[in-house]
Structures are given as structure tokens and as C-alpha cells.
PDB file of all heavy atoms in Angstrom:
ATOM      1  N   ALA A   1       0.822  -1.217   0.000  1.00  0.00           N
ATOM      2  CA  ALA A   1       0.000   0.000   0.000  1.00  0.00           C
ATOM      3  C   ALA A   1       0.856   1.268   0.000  1.00  0.00           C
ATOM      4  O   ALA A   1       0.352   2.360  -0.275  1.00  0.00           O
ATOM      5  CB  ALA A   1      -0.926  -0.004   1.215  1.00  0.00           C
ATOM      6  N   PHE A   2       2.154   1.142   0.291  1.00  0.00           N
ATOM      7  CA  PHE A   2       3.050   2.295   0.270  1.00  0.00           C
ATOM      8  C   PHE A   2       3.382   2.728  -1.168  1.00  0.00           C
ATOM      9  O   PHE A   2       3.929   3.793  -1.390  1.00  0.00           O
ATOM     10  CB  PHE A   2       4.357   1.973   1.000  1.00  0.00           C
ATOM     11  CG  PHE A   2       4.281   2.087   2.501  1.00  0.00           C
ATOM     12  CD1 PHE A   2       3.731   1.071   3.263  1.00  0.00           C
ATOM     13  CD2 PHE A   2       4.757   3.223   3.151  1.00  0.00           C
ATOM     14  CE1 PHE A   2       3.661   1.170   4.651  1.00  0.00           C
ATOM     15  CE2 PHE A   2       4.694   3.338   4.535  1.00  0.00           C
ATOM     16  CZ  PHE A   2       4.140   2.307   5.283  1.00  0.00           C
ATOM     17  N   LYS A   3       3.060   1.897  -2.134  1.00  0.00           N
ATOM     18  CA  LYS A   3       3.387   2.178  -3.539  1.00  0.00           C
ATOM     19  C   LYS A   3       2.432   3.228  -4.097  1.00  0.00           C
ATOM     20  O   LYS A   3       1.272   2.956  -4.375  1.00  0.00           O
ATOM     21  CB  LYS A   3       3.303   0.886  -4.363  1.00  0.00           C
ATOM     22  CG  LYS A   3       3.736   1.035  -5.813  1.00  0.00           C
ATOM     23  CD  LYS A   3       3.662  -0.301  -6.537  1.00  0.00           C
ATOM     24  CE  LYS A   3       4.050  -0.170  -7.990  1.00  0.00           C
ATOM     25  NZ  LYS A   3       3.975  -1.470  -8.710  1.00  0.00           N
ATOM     26  N   LYS A   4       2.934   4.451  -4.222  1.00  0.00           N
ATOM     27  CA  LYS A   4       2.130   5.576  -4.700  1.00  0.00           C
ATOM     28  C   LYS A   4       2.982   6.445  -5.613  1.00  0.00           C
ATOM     29  O   LYS A   4       4.218   6.386  -5.581  1.00  0.00           O
ATOM     30  CB  LYS A   4       1.626   6.417  -3.515  1.00  0.00           C
ATOM     31  CG  LYS A   4       0.750   5.666  -2.518  1.00  0.00           C
ATOM     32  CD  LYS A   4       0.410   6.538  -1.328  1.00  0.00           C
ATOM     33  CE  LYS A   4      -0.381   5.773  -0.279  1.00  0.00           C
ATOM     34  NZ  LYS A   4      -0.656   6.610   0.924  1.00  0.00           N
ATOM     35  N   MET A   5       2.300   7.248  -6.424  1.00  0.00           N
ATOM     36  CA  MET A   5       3.016   8.206  -7.259  1.00  0.00           C
ATOM     37  C   MET A   5       3.655   9.288  -6.389  1.00  0.00           C
ATOM     38  O   MET A   5       3.077   9.675  -5.380  1.00  0.00           O
ATOM     39  CB  MET A   5       2.054   8.847  -8.256  1.00  0.00           C
ATOM     40  CG  MET A   5       1.714   7.947  -9.423  1.00  0.00           C
ATOM     41  SD  MET A   5       3.175   7.573 -10.410  1.00  0.00           S
ATOM     42  CE  MET A   5       3.575   9.191 -11.091  1.00  0.00           C
ATOM     43  N   PRO A   6       4.847   9.780  -6.758  1.00  0.00           N
ATOM     44  CA  PRO A   6       5.556   9.551  -8.027  1.00  0.00           C
ATOM     45  C   PRO A   6       6.426   8.288  -8.041  1.00  0.00           C
ATOM     46  O   PRO A   6       6.992   7.941  -9.066  1.00  0.00           O
ATOM     47  CB  PRO A   6       6.415  10.796  -8.161  1.00  0.00           C
ATOM     48  CG  PRO A   6       6.729  11.174  -6.742  1.00  0.00           C
ATOM     49  CD  PRO A   6       5.489  10.857  -5.957  1.00  0.00           C
ATOM     50  N   GLY A   7       6.557   7.605  -6.884  1.00  0.00           N
ATOM     51  CA  GLY A   7       7.378   6.406  -6.832  1.00  0.00           C
ATOM     52  C   GLY A   7       7.655   6.014  -5.396  1.00  0.00           C
ATOM     53  O   GLY A   7       7.298   6.740  -4.451  1.00  0.00           O
ATOM     54  N   LEU A   8       8.279   4.850  -5.214  1.00  0.00           N
ATOM     55  CA  LEU A   8       8.548   4.334  -3.873  1.00  0.00           C
ATOM     56  C   LEU A   8       9.961   3.779  -3.774  1.00  0.00           C
ATOM     57  O   LEU A   8      10.432   3.078  -4.673  1.00  0.00           O
ATOM     58  CB  LEU A   8       7.548   3.213  -3.540  1.00  0.00           C
ATOM     59  CG  LEU A   8       7.782   2.460  -2.223  1.00  0.00           C
ATOM     60  CD1 LEU A   8       7.504   3.377  -1.034  1.00  0.00           C
ATOM     61  CD2 LEU A   8       6.906   1.206  -2.162  1.00  0.00           C
ATOM     62  N   VAL A   9      10.617   4.108  -2.665  1.00  0.00           N
ATOM     63  CA  VAL A   9      11.881   3.475  -2.299  1.00  0.00           C
ATOM     64  C   VAL A   9      11.573   2.555  -1.121  1.00  0.00           C
ATOM     65  O   VAL A   9      11.106   3.018  -0.078  1.00  0.00           O
ATOM     66  CB  VAL A   9      12.957   4.511  -1.900  1.00  0.00           C
ATOM     67  CG1 VAL A   9      14.230   3.796  -1.460  1.00  0.00           C
ATOM     68  CG2 VAL A   9      13.253   5.452  -3.060  1.00  0.00           C
ATOM     69  N   ALA A  10      11.790   1.248  -1.287  1.00  0.00           N
ATOM     70  CA  ALA A  10      11.437   0.267  -0.265  1.00  0.00           C
ATOM     71  C   ALA A  10      12.678  -0.385   0.308  1.00  0.00           C
ATOM     72  O   ALA A  10      13.477  -0.975  -0.413  1.00  0.00           O
ATOM     73  CB  ALA A  10      10.511  -0.800  -0.858  1.00  0.00           C
ATOM     74  N   ASP A  11      12.824  -0.291   1.626  1.00  0.00           N
ATOM     75  CA  ASP A  11      14.001  -0.791   2.341  1.00  0.00           C
ATOM     76  C   ASP A  11      13.633  -2.033   3.144  1.00  0.00           C
ATOM     77  O   ASP A  11      12.663  -2.009   3.899  1.00  0.00           O
ATOM     78  CB  ASP A  11      14.510   0.351   3.249  1.00  0.00           C
ATOM     79  CG  ASP A  11      15.320  -0.125   4.439  1.00  0.00           C
ATOM     80  OD1 ASP A  11      15.911  -1.209   4.362  1.00  0.00           O
ATOM     81  OD2 ASP A  11      15.376   0.610   5.440  1.00  0.00           O
ATOM     82  N   GLY A  12      14.396  -3.124   2.961  1.00  0.00           N
ATOM     83  CA  GLY A  12      14.114  -4.321   3.736  1.00  0.00           C
ATOM     84  C   GLY A  12      15.043  -5.468   3.418  1.00  0.00           C
ATOM     85  O   GLY A  12      16.214  -5.271   3.098  1.00  0.00           O
ATOM     86  N   ARG A  13      14.490  -6.681   3.491  1.00  0.00           N
ATOM     87  CA  ARG A  13      15.280  -7.885   3.206  1.00  0.00           C
ATOM     88  C   ARG A  13      14.668  -8.736   2.104  1.00  0.00           C
ATOM     89  O   ARG A  13      15.344  -9.577   1.533  1.00  0.00           O
ATOM     90  CB  ARG A  13      15.447  -8.718   4.489  1.00  0.00           C
ATOM     91  CG  ARG A  13      16.410  -8.076   5.485  1.00  0.00           C
ATOM     92  CD  ARG A  13      16.379  -8.824   6.814  1.00  0.00           C
ATOM     93  NE  ARG A  13      17.372  -8.281   7.725  1.00  0.00           N
ATOM     94  CZ  ARG A  13      17.257  -7.110   8.359  1.00  0.00           C
ATOM     95  NH1 ARG A  13      16.197  -6.351   8.165  1.00  0.00           N
ATOM     96  NH2 ARG A  13      18.207  -6.693   9.175  1.00  0.00           N
ATOM     97  N   ASP A  14      13.358  -8.528   1.855  1.00  0.00           N
ATOM     98  CA  ASP A  14      12.707  -9.293   0.788  1.00  0.00           C
ATOM     99  C   ASP A  14      11.902  -8.378  -0.127  1.00  0.00           C
ATOM    100  O   ASP A  14      10.950  -8.801  -0.770  1.00  0.00           O
ATOM    101  CB  ASP A  14      11.794 -10.372   1.376  1.00  0.00           C
ATOM    102  CG  ASP A  14      10.637  -9.786   2.184  1.00  0.00           C
ATOM    103  OD1 ASP A  14      10.692  -8.585   2.535  1.00  0.00           O
ATOM    104  OD2 ASP A  14       9.674 -10.521   2.454  1.00  0.00           O
ATOM    105  N   MET A  15      12.315  -7.125  -0.210  1.00  0.00           N
ATOM    106  CA  MET A  15      11.571  -6.161  -1.020  1.00  0.00           C
ATOM    107  C   MET A  15      11.616  -6.519  -2.505  1.00  0.00           C
ATOM    108  O   MET A  15      10.607  -6.478  -3.210  1.00  0.00           O
ATOM    109  CB  MET A  15      12.126  -4.747  -0.810  1.00  0.00           C
ATOM    110  CG  MET A  15      11.959  -4.189   0.599  1.00  0.00           C
ATOM    111  SD  MET A  15      10.235  -3.943   1.108  1.00  0.00           S
ATOM    112  CE  MET A  15       9.979  -5.402   2.108  1.00  0.00           C
ATOM    113  N   GLY A  16      12.797  -6.874  -2.996  1.00  0.00           N
ATOM    114  CA  GLY A  16      12.952  -7.163  -4.415  1.00  0.00           C
ATOM    115  C   GLY A  16      12.582  -8.577  -4.804  1.00  0.00           C
ATOM    116  O   GLY A  16      12.337  -8.860  -5.978  1.00  0.00           O
ATOM    117  N   THR A  17      12.538  -9.486  -3.822  1.00  0.00           N
ATOM    118  CA  THR A  17      12.240 -10.890  -4.127  1.00  0.00           C
ATOM    119  C   THR A  17      10.778 -11.243  -3.921  1.00  0.00           C
ATOM    120  O   THR A  17      10.228 -12.060  -4.663  1.00  0.00           O
ATOM    121  CB  THR A  17      13.094 -11.822  -3.248  1.00  0.00           C
ATOM    122  OG1 THR A  17      12.922 -11.457  -1.866  1.00  0.00           O
ATOM    123  CG2 THR A  17      14.568 -11.723  -3.624  1.00  0.00           C
ATOM    124  N   VAL A  18      10.118 -10.643  -2.922  1.00  0.00           N
ATOM    125  CA  VAL A  18       8.752 -11.033  -2.573  1.00  0.00           C
ATOM    126  C   VAL A  18       7.754  -9.878  -2.649  1.00  0.00           C
ATOM    127  O   VAL A  18       6.703  -9.985  -3.291  1.00  0.00           O
ATOM    128  CB  VAL A  18       8.709 -11.639  -1.150  1.00  0.00           C
ATOM    129  CG1 VAL A  18       7.272 -11.958  -0.736  1.00  0.00           C
ATOM    130  CG2 VAL A  18       9.568 -12.884  -1.082  1.00  0.00           C
ATOM    131  N   VAL A  19       8.067  -8.771  -1.994  1.00  0.00           N
ATOM    132  CA  VAL A  19       7.086  -7.692  -1.873  1.00  0.00           C
ATOM    133  C   VAL A  19       6.909  -6.931  -3.184  1.00  0.00           C
ATOM    134  O   VAL A  19       5.789  -6.680  -3.626  1.00  0.00           O
ATOM    135  CB  VAL A  19       7.486  -6.727  -0.734  1.00  0.00           C
ATOM    136  CG1 VAL A  19       6.399  -5.661  -0.547  1.00  0.00           C
ATOM    137  CG2 VAL A  19       7.677  -7.492   0.566  1.00  0.00           C
ATOM    138  N   PHE A  20       8.021  -6.566  -3.832  1.00  0.00           N
ATOM    139  CA  PHE A  20       7.949  -5.829  -5.092  1.00  0.00           C
ATOM    140  C   PHE A  20       8.836  -6.493  -6.154  1.00  0.00           C
ATOM    141  O   PHE A  20       9.836  -5.923  -6.594  1.00  0.00           O
ATOM    142  CB  PHE A  20       8.386  -4.370  -4.893  1.00  0.00           C
ATOM    143  CG  PHE A  20       7.543  -3.600  -3.925  1.00  0.00           C
ATOM    144  CD1 PHE A  20       8.026  -3.287  -2.656  1.00  0.00           C
ATOM    145  CD2 PHE A  20       6.259  -3.203  -4.255  1.00  0.00           C
ATOM    146  CE1 PHE A  20       7.245  -2.576  -1.749  1.00  0.00           C
ATOM    147  CE2 PHE A  20       5.465  -2.498  -3.360  1.00  0.00           C
ATOM    148  CZ  PHE A  20       5.959  -2.183  -2.100  1.00  0.00           C
ATOM    149  N   PRO A  21       8.474  -7.706  -6.595  1.00  0.00           N
ATOM    150  CA  PRO A  21       9.295  -8.388  -7.602  1.00  0.00           C
ATOM    151  C   PRO A  21       9.314  -7.663  -8.941  1.00  0.00           C
ATOM    152  O   PRO A  21      10.175  -7.925  -9.782  1.00  0.00           O
ATOM    153  CB  PRO A  21       8.631  -9.768  -7.719  1.00  0.00           C
ATOM    154  CG  PRO A  21       7.212  -9.552  -7.276  1.00  0.00           C
ATOM    155  CD  PRO A  21       7.299  -8.507  -6.194  1.00  0.00           C
ATOM    156  N   GLU A  22       8.367  -6.732  -9.108  1.00  0.00           N
ATOM    157  CA  GLU A  22       8.280  -5.965 -10.359  1.00  0.00           C
ATOM    158  C   GLU A  22       9.104  -4.686 -10.312  1.00  0.00           C
ATOM    159  O   GLU A  22       9.056  -3.877 -11.257  1.00  0.00           O
ATOM    160  CB  GLU A  22       6.809  -5.610 -10.642  1.00  0.00           C
ATOM    161  CG  GLU A  22       6.236  -4.453  -9.823  1.00  0.00           C
ATOM    162  CD  GLU A  22       5.968  -4.736  -8.341  1.00  0.00           C
ATOM    163  OE1 GLU A  22       6.182  -5.886  -7.894  1.00  0.00           O
ATOM    164  OE2 GLU A  22       5.537  -3.814  -7.634  1.00  0.00           O
ATOM    165  N   ALA A  23       9.864  -4.465  -9.255  1.00  0.00           N
ATOM    166  CA  ALA A  23      10.599  -3.205  -9.056  1.00  0.00           C
ATOM    167  C   ALA A  23      11.458  -2.834 -10.260  1.00  0.00           C
ATOM    168  O   ALA A  23      12.046  -3.697 -10.918  1.00  0.00           O
ATOM    169  CB  ALA A  23      11.479  -3.311  -7.812  1.00  0.00           C
ATOM    170  N   THR A  24      11.515  -1.545 -10.526  1.00  0.00           N
ATOM    171  CA  THR A  24      12.288  -1.024 -11.651  1.00  0.00           C
ATOM    172  C   THR A  24      13.780  -1.228 -11.441  1.00  0.00           C
ATOM    173  O   THR A  24      14.524  -1.557 -12.365  1.00  0.00           O
ATOM    174  CB  THR A  24      11.999   0.484 -11.827  1.00  0.00           C
ATOM    175  OG1 THR A  24      10.596   0.709 -11.769  1.00  0.00           O
ATOM    176  CG2 THR A  24      12.543   0.990 -13.158  1.00  0.00           C
ATOM    177  N   LEU A  25      14.226  -1.008 -10.203  1.00  0.00           N
ATOM    178  CA  LEU A  25      15.631  -1.170  -9.849  1.00  0.00           C
ATOM    179  C   LEU A  25      15.714  -1.884  -8.512  1.00  0.00           C
ATOM    180  O   LEU A  25      15.078  -1.468  -7.537  1.00  0.00           O
ATOM    181  CB  LEU A  25      16.330   0.196  -9.759  1.00  0.00           C
ATOM    182  CG  LEU A  25      17.768   0.210  -9.237  1.00  0.00           C
ATOM    183  CD1 LEU A  25      18.683  -0.621 -10.131  1.00  0.00           C
ATOM    184  CD2 LEU A  25      18.292   1.644  -9.115  1.00  0.00           C
ATOM    185  N   LYS A  26      16.500  -2.953  -8.463  1.00  0.00           N
ATOM    186  CA  LYS A  26      16.685  -3.720  -7.230  1.00  0.00           C
ATOM    187  C   LYS A  26      18.140  -3.621  -6.797  1.00  0.00           C
ATOM    188  O   LYS A  26      19.031  -4.110  -7.491  1.00  0.00           O
ATOM    189  CB  LYS A  26      16.302  -5.183  -7.444  1.00  0.00           C
ATOM    190  CG  LYS A  26      14.851  -5.374  -7.882  1.00  0.00           C
ATOM    191  CD  LYS A  26      14.544  -6.826  -8.178  1.00  0.00           C
ATOM    192  CE  LYS A  26      13.130  -6.989  -8.714  1.00  0.00           C
ATOM    193  NZ  LYS A  26      12.815  -8.398  -9.035  1.00  0.00           N
ATOM    194  N   VAL A  27      18.349  -2.979  -5.653  1.00  0.00           N
ATOM    195  CA  VAL A  27      19.696  -2.804  -5.110  1.00  0.00           C
ATOM    196  C   VAL A  27      19.861  -3.736  -3.918  1.00  0.00           C
ATOM    197  O   VAL A  27      18.982  -3.812  -3.050  1.00  0.00           O
ATOM    198  CB  VAL A  27      19.930  -1.347  -4.667  1.00  0.00           C
ATOM    199  CG1 VAL A  27      21.347  -1.175  -4.121  1.00  0.00           C
ATOM    200  CG2 VAL A  27      19.670  -0.372  -5.811  1.00  0.00           C
ATOM    201  N   PHE A  28      20.966  -4.459  -3.881  1.00  0.00           N
ATOM    202  CA  PHE A  28      21.269  -5.318  -2.732  1.00  0.00           C
ATOM    203  C   PHE A  28      22.603  -4.871  -2.148  1.00  0.00           C
ATOM    204  O   PHE A  28      23.642  -4.970  -2.798  1.00  0.00           O
ATOM    205  CB  PHE A  28      21.357  -6.787  -3.160  1.00  0.00           C
ATOM    206  CG  PHE A  28      21.429  -7.749  -1.998  1.00  0.00           C
ATOM    207  CD1 PHE A  28      20.282  -8.349  -1.505  1.00  0.00           C
ATOM    208  CD2 PHE A  28      22.642  -8.055  -1.397  1.00  0.00           C
ATOM    209  CE1 PHE A  28      20.345  -9.237  -0.426  1.00  0.00           C
ATOM    210  CE2 PHE A  28      22.719  -8.933  -0.324  1.00  0.00           C
ATOM    211  CZ  PHE A  28      21.562  -9.528   0.163  1.00  0.00           C
ATOM    212  N   LEU A  29      22.556  -4.340  -0.923  1.00  0.00           N
ATOM    213  CA  LEU A  29      23.765  -3.868  -0.258  1.00  0.00           C
ATOM    214  C   LEU A  29      24.401  -5.012   0.537  1.00  0.00           C
ATOM    215  O   LEU A  29      23.709  -5.773   1.218  1.00  0.00           O
ATOM    216  CB  LEU A  29      23.449  -2.706   0.691  1.00  0.00           C
ATOM    217  CG  LEU A  29      22.852  -1.445   0.066  1.00  0.00           C
ATOM    218  CD1 LEU A  29      22.742  -0.350   1.117  1.00  0.00           C
ATOM    219  CD2 LEU A  29      23.673  -0.962  -1.112  1.00  0.00           C
ATOM    220  N   ALA A  30      25.719  -5.113   0.444  1.00  0.00           N
ATOM    221  CA  ALA A  30      26.440  -6.175   1.139  1.00  0.00           C
ATOM    222  C   ALA A  30      27.657  -5.607   1.863  1.00  0.00           C
ATOM    223  O   ALA A  30      28.222  -4.594   1.445  1.00  0.00           O
ATOM    224  CB  ALA A  30      26.886  -7.255   0.152  1.00  0.00           C
ATOM    225  N   ALA A  31      28.036  -6.250   2.961  1.00  0.00           N
ATOM    226  CA  ALA A  31      29.242  -5.889   3.718  1.00  0.00           C
ATOM    227  C   ALA A  31      29.523  -7.023   4.686  1.00  0.00           C
ATOM    228  O   ALA A  31      28.614  -7.773   5.066  1.00  0.00           O
ATOM    229  CB  ALA A  31      29.059  -4.570   4.471  1.00  0.00           C
ATOM    230  N   SER A  32      30.771  -7.160   5.101  1.00  0.00           N
ATOM    231  CA  SER A  32      31.136  -8.243   6.022  1.00  0.00           C
ATOM    232  C   SER A  32      30.499  -8.008   7.391  1.00  0.00           C
ATOM    233  O   SER A  32      30.147  -6.882   7.757  1.00  0.00           O
ATOM    234  CB  SER A  32      32.655  -8.307   6.172  1.00  0.00           C
ATOM    235  OG  SER A  32      33.136  -7.165   6.860  1.00  0.00           O
ATOM    236  N   ALA A  33      30.351  -9.086   8.149  1.00  0.00           N
ATOM    237  CA  ALA A  33      29.794  -8.985   9.500  1.00  0.00           C
ATOM    238  C   ALA A  33      30.673  -8.087  10.376  1.00  0.00           C
ATOM    239  O   ALA A  33      30.167  -7.332  11.215  1.00  0.00           O
ATOM    240  CB  ALA A  33      29.671 -10.372  10.123  1.00  0.00           C
ATOM    241  N   TRP A  34      31.986  -8.154  10.178  1.00  0.00           N
ATOM    242  CA  TRP A  34      32.896  -7.321  10.951  1.00  0.00           C
ATOM    243  C   TRP A  34      32.662  -5.838  10.653  1.00  0.00           C
ATOM    244  O   TRP A  34      32.543  -5.021  11.576  1.00  0.00           O
ATOM    245  CB  TRP A  34      34.347  -7.681  10.651  1.00  0.00           C
ATOM    246  CG  TRP A  34      35.310  -6.651  11.175  1.00  0.00           C
ATOM    247  CD1 TRP A  34      35.940  -5.677  10.477  1.00  0.00           C
ATOM    248  CD2 TRP A  34      35.686  -6.450  12.549  1.00  0.00           C
ATOM    249  NE1 TRP A  34      36.704  -4.887  11.299  1.00  0.00           N
ATOM    250  CE2 TRP A  34      36.562  -5.338  12.585  1.00  0.00           C
ATOM    251  CE3 TRP A  34      35.374  -7.100  13.739  1.00  0.00           C
ATOM    252  CZ2 TRP A  34      37.126  -4.874  13.770  1.00  0.00           C
ATOM    253  CZ3 TRP A  34      35.941  -6.625  14.923  1.00  0.00           C
ATOM    254  CH2 TRP A  34      36.798  -5.532  14.917  1.00  0.00           C
ATOM    255  N   THR A  35      32.565  -5.485   9.381  1.00  0.00           N
ATOM    256  CA  THR A  35      32.339  -4.085   9.000  1.00  0.00           C
ATOM    257  C   THR A  35      31.039  -3.570   9.576  1.00  0.00           C
ATOM    258  O   THR A  35      30.977  -2.470  10.139  1.00  0.00           O
ATOM    259  CB  THR A  35      32.307  -3.947   7.461  1.00  0.00           C
ATOM    260  OG1 THR A  35      33.583  -4.299   6.930  1.00  0.00           O
ATOM    261  CG2 THR A  35      31.981  -2.516   7.058  1.00  0.00           C
TER     262      THR A  35
END
């Protein structure tokens, strides 16, 4: 329901795989556990 014009930035762990699989751009941030 957060998906509204002009657009949505969705932050999470399954946003691109489950919640918004149709997303225009899917960014996955990674870093070591130590960092």
C-alpha cells in the first residue's frame, strides 16, 4: 500500500524478491559482519 506516485523506495530484506518483484531497480547492499 506504500506504492504511490511519483514512486517508492522500499528498504528491507525481501523487497525485491517477494514484496515488489516488479521493481524497476533492485539494489542489494552487502558488507562483512565485521564491518
